[in-house]
Amino acid sequence: MTAVTFNNIPAGRNTGSSFKAPKNFLQALLNAIVETVSRELAARKAIRELNNYSEHELADIGLNRCQIEHAVRTGR
């Protein structure tokens, strides 16, 4: 007699699920988090530095003060 699960598939048989987790899922997740955090820190540093520029210096590089964050984050 074969054990049957609630969905009438014999127990222990492969159900054919196509989901396959990456072998290094946790490492990939950690790498993605580290990369995201480092990008954010770099963006904040650039924003902080540009906020220290005078209006004249910002105009020389084609920016207004209100455009700093957008320019840093999108690469304008």
Protein backbone atom coordinates (compact mmCIF):
# COMPACT_ATOMS: atom_id res chain seq x y z
CA MET A 1 0.00 0.00 0.00
CA THR A 2 1.35 3.44 -0.98
CA ALA A 3 0.93 6.48 1.26
CA VAL A 4 -1.07 9.20 -0.48
CA THR A 5 -0.93 12.90 0.36
CA PHE A 6 -3.89 15.25 0.43
CA ASN A 7 -3.53 16.01 -3.29
CA ASN A 8 -3.56 12.34 -4.36
CA ILE A 9 0.11 12.30 -5.32
CA PRO A 10 1.96 9.37 -3.81
CA ALA A 11 4.13 10.49 -0.90
CA GLY A 12 7.82 10.85 -1.68
CA ARG A 13 7.33 11.55 -5.37
CA ASN A 14 8.58 14.70 -7.03
CA THR A 15 5.64 17.00 -7.65
CA GLY A 16 7.41 18.69 -10.55
CA SER A 17 7.78 22.08 -8.92
CA SER A 18 9.82 24.31 -11.20
CA PHE A 19 11.08 26.53 -8.35
CA LYS A 20 14.77 26.07 -7.71
CA ALA A 21 16.41 28.32 -5.13
CA PRO A 22 19.89 29.52 -6.05
CA LYS A 23 22.60 27.51 -4.36
CA ASN A 24 24.12 30.60 -2.81
CA PHE A 25 20.89 32.45 -2.12
CA LEU A 26 21.96 33.91 1.22
CA GLN A 27 25.32 35.03 -0.19
CA ALA A 28 23.60 36.67 -3.16
CA LEU A 29 21.12 38.38 -0.85
CA LEU A 30 23.89 39.65 1.41
CA ASN A 31 25.88 40.91 -1.59
CA ALA A 32 22.83 42.78 -2.88
CA ILE A 33 22.25 44.40 0.51
CA VAL A 34 25.90 45.43 0.85
CA GLU A 35 25.91 46.87 -2.68
CA THR A 36 22.70 48.82 -2.07
CA VAL A 37 23.95 50.25 1.22
CA SER A 38 27.31 51.24 -0.28
CA ARG A 39 25.58 52.97 -3.22
CA GLU A 40 23.32 54.85 -0.81
CA LEU A 41 26.27 55.95 1.32
CA ALA A 42 28.15 57.16 -1.76
CA ALA A 43 25.09 59.10 -2.95
CA ARG A 44 24.67 60.74 0.46
CA LYS A 45 28.34 61.72 0.49
CA ALA A 46 28.06 63.30 -2.98
CA ILE A 47 24.90 65.17 -1.96
CA ARG A 48 26.57 66.42 1.21
CA GLU A 49 29.61 67.63 -0.76
CA LEU A 50 27.52 69.38 -3.40
CA ASN A 51 25.43 71.07 -0.71
CA ASN A 52 28.65 72.69 0.51
CA TYR A 53 29.20 74.35 -2.90
CA SER A 54 28.26 77.99 -3.32
CA GLU A 55 25.48 79.03 -5.70
CA HIS A 56 28.14 80.24 -8.15
CA GLU A 57 30.01 76.90 -8.06
CA LEU A 58 26.78 75.00 -8.61
CA ALA A 59 25.90 77.26 -11.54
CA ASP A 60 29.33 76.52 -13.05
CA ILE A 61 28.44 72.83 -13.21
CA GLY A 62 24.90 73.55 -14.40
CA LEU A 63 22.97 72.84 -11.21
CA ASN A 64 20.61 74.66 -8.91
CA ARG A 65 20.56 73.67 -5.26
CA CYS A 66 17.15 72.03 -5.66
CA GLN A 67 18.54 69.75 -8.41
CA ILE A 68 21.40 68.24 -6.40
CA GLU A 69 19.72 65.09 -5.11
CA HIS A 70 18.09 64.30 -8.46
CA ALA A 71 21.35 64.83 -10.32
CA VAL A 72 23.27 62.55 -7.93
CA ARG A 73 20.71 59.76 -7.88
CA THR A 74 19.93 59.69 -11.61
CA GLY A 75 23.28 60.69 -13.01
CA ARG A 76 21.53 63.51 -14.77
